C-alpha atoms as a PDB file:
ATOM      1  CA  MET A   1     -25.299 122.821   2.457  1.00  0.00           C
ATOM      2  CA  MET A   2     -24.827 118.785   2.126  1.00  0.00           C
ATOM      3  CA  SER A   3     -23.350 118.872  -1.157  1.00  0.00           C
ATOM      4  CA  SER A   4     -20.284 121.285   0.640  1.00  0.00           C
ATOM      5  CA  ILE A   5     -19.857 118.969   3.833  1.00  0.00           C
ATOM      6  CA  ARG A   6     -20.081 115.647   1.318  1.00  0.00           C
ATOM      7  CA  ARG A   7     -16.994 117.682  -1.094  1.00  0.00           C
ATOM      8  CA  ILE A   8     -14.892 118.768   2.249  1.00  0.00           C
ATOM      9  CA  TYR A   9     -15.645 115.316   4.129  1.00  0.00           C
ATOM     10  CA  GLN A  10     -13.994 113.652   0.322  1.00  0.00           C
ATOM     11  CA  CYS A  11     -11.014 116.255   0.732  1.00  0.00           C
ATOM     12  CA  ASP A  12     -10.040 115.217   4.250  1.00  0.00           C
ATOM     13  CA  LEU A  13     -10.384 111.501   2.760  1.00  0.00           C
ATOM     14  CA  ARG A  14      -8.280 111.855   0.034  1.00  0.00           C
ATOM     15  CA  CYS A  15      -5.489 114.088   2.009  1.00  0.00           C
ATOM     16  CA  ALA A  16      -5.339 111.593   4.742  1.00  0.00           C
ATOM     17  CA  MET A  17      -5.099 108.365   2.195  1.00  0.00           C
ATOM     18  CA  SER A  18      -2.437 110.182   0.049  1.00  0.00           C
ATOM     19  CA  LEU A  19      -0.518 110.749   3.613  1.00  0.00           C
ATOM     20  CA  TRP A  20      -1.509 107.039   3.975  1.00  0.00           C
ATOM     21  CA  ARG A  21       0.555 106.261   0.974  1.00  0.00           C
ATOM     22  CA  ARG A  22       3.294 108.654   1.150  1.00  0.00           C
ATOM     23  CA  CYS A  23       3.845 106.978   5.039  1.00  0.00           C
ATOM     24  CA  LEU A  24       3.472 103.539   3.521  1.00  0.00           C
ATOM     25  CA  GLN A  25       6.210 104.194   0.997  1.00  0.00           C
ATOM     26  CA  LEU A  26       8.482 105.786   3.379  1.00  0.00           C
ATOM     27  CA  ASN A  27       8.150 102.251   5.223  1.00  0.00           C
ATOM     28  CA  HIS A  28       9.059 100.613   2.497  1.00  0.00           C
ATOM     29  CA  LEU A  29      11.897 102.266   1.761  1.00  0.00           C
ATOM     30  CA  CYS A  30      13.643 101.872   4.830  1.00  0.00           C
ATOM     31  CA  TRP A  31      12.810  98.362   4.910  1.00  0.00           C
ATOM     32  CA  ASN A  32      14.491  98.013   1.540  1.00  0.00           C
ATOM     33  CA  LEU A  33      17.693 100.326   2.804  1.00  0.00           C
ATOM     34  CA  LEU A  34      17.943  98.121   6.147  1.00  0.00           C
ATOM     35  CA  ASN A  35      17.642  94.881   4.151  1.00  0.00           C
ATOM     36  CA  ILE A  36      20.672  96.181   1.800  1.00  0.00           C
ATOM     37  CA  VAL A  37      22.854  97.284   4.674  1.00  0.00           C
ATOM     38  CA  VAL A  38      22.009  93.663   6.642  1.00  0.00           C
ATOM     39  CA  LEU A  39      23.098  92.149   2.833  1.00  0.00           C
ATOM     40  CA  LEU A  40      26.382  94.647   2.845  1.00  0.00           C
ATOM     41  CA  LEU A  41      27.628  93.511   6.207  1.00  0.00           C
ATOM     42  CA  LEU A  42      26.576  89.782   6.111  1.00  0.00           C
ATOM     43  CA  TYR A  43      28.627  89.945   2.535  1.00  0.00           C
ATOM     44  CA  HIS A  44      31.789  91.773   4.216  1.00  0.00           C
ATOM     45  CA  LEU A  45      32.005  88.788   7.026  1.00  0.00           C
ATOM     46  CA  TRP A  46      31.463  86.079   4.566  1.00  0.00           C
ATOM     47  CA  SER A  47      35.438  85.994   4.157  1.00  0.00           C
ATOM     48  CA  TRP A  48      35.767  85.860   8.023  1.00  0.00           C
ATOM     49  CA  LEU A  49      33.370  83.403   8.827  1.00  0.00           C
ATOM     50  CA  TRP A  50      34.210  80.685   5.909  1.00  0.00           C
ATOM     51  CA  LEU A  51      33.633  76.909   7.177  1.00  0.00           C
ATOM     52  CA  PRO A  52      35.762  74.488   4.359  1.00  0.00           C
ATOM     53  CA  TYR A  53      35.204  71.464   6.030  1.00  0.00           C
ATOM     54  CA  LEU A  54      31.752  72.270   4.989  1.00  0.00           C
ATOM     55  CA  GLY A  55      32.184  73.879   1.711  1.00  0.00           C
ATOM     56  CA  LEU A  56      29.368  76.540   1.999  1.00  0.00           C
ATOM     57  CA  ASN A  57      29.516  79.685   4.853  1.00  0.00           C
ATOM     58  CA  LEU A  58      27.413  80.062   7.676  1.00  0.00           C
ATOM     59  CA  LEU A  59      25.465  83.211   6.974  1.00  0.00           C
ATOM     60  CA  THR A  60      24.645  82.323   3.567  1.00  0.00           C
ATOM     61  CA  CYS A  61      21.057  80.689   5.330  1.00  0.00           C
ATOM     62  CA  LEU A  62      21.063  83.505   6.780  1.00  0.00           C
ATOM     63  CA  MET A  63      21.354  85.697   3.038  1.00  0.00           C
ATOM     64  CA  TRP A  64      18.809  83.496   1.141  1.00  0.00           C
ATOM     65  CA  PRO A  65      15.972  84.823   2.975  1.00  0.00           C
ATOM     66  CA  LEU A  66      16.499  88.712   2.875  1.00  0.00           C
ATOM     67  CA  LEU A  67      17.817  88.094  -0.709  1.00  0.00           C
ATOM     68  CA  LEU A  68      14.384  86.841  -1.551  1.00  0.00           C
ATOM     69  CA  ARG A  69      12.723  89.504   0.415  1.00  0.00           C
ATOM     70  CA  LEU A  70      14.346  92.081  -1.209  1.00  0.00           C
ATOM     71  CA  ASN A  71      13.774  91.037  -4.641  1.00  0.00           C
ATOM     72  CA  VAL A  72      10.312  90.254  -3.712  1.00  0.00           C
ATOM     73  CA  GLU A  73      10.058  93.625  -2.295  1.00  0.00           C
ATOM     74  CA  LEU A  74      11.353  95.556  -5.685  1.00  0.00           C
END
């Protein structure tokens, strides 16, 4: 009796853990897709916000943390 209860508990625990892992993977995928969309948007706006007197793009400062985060996560 105890072994069957233990087996049921272990099965439930395994199912819960696999569901949790799938949820985390989906969340990770959503964040990566969001990062890619933001990077593409910033890249598209790049030419419009060019600051020639500084010699750099205003959005470059915003893009680097996203690029670094995306590279670390991938």
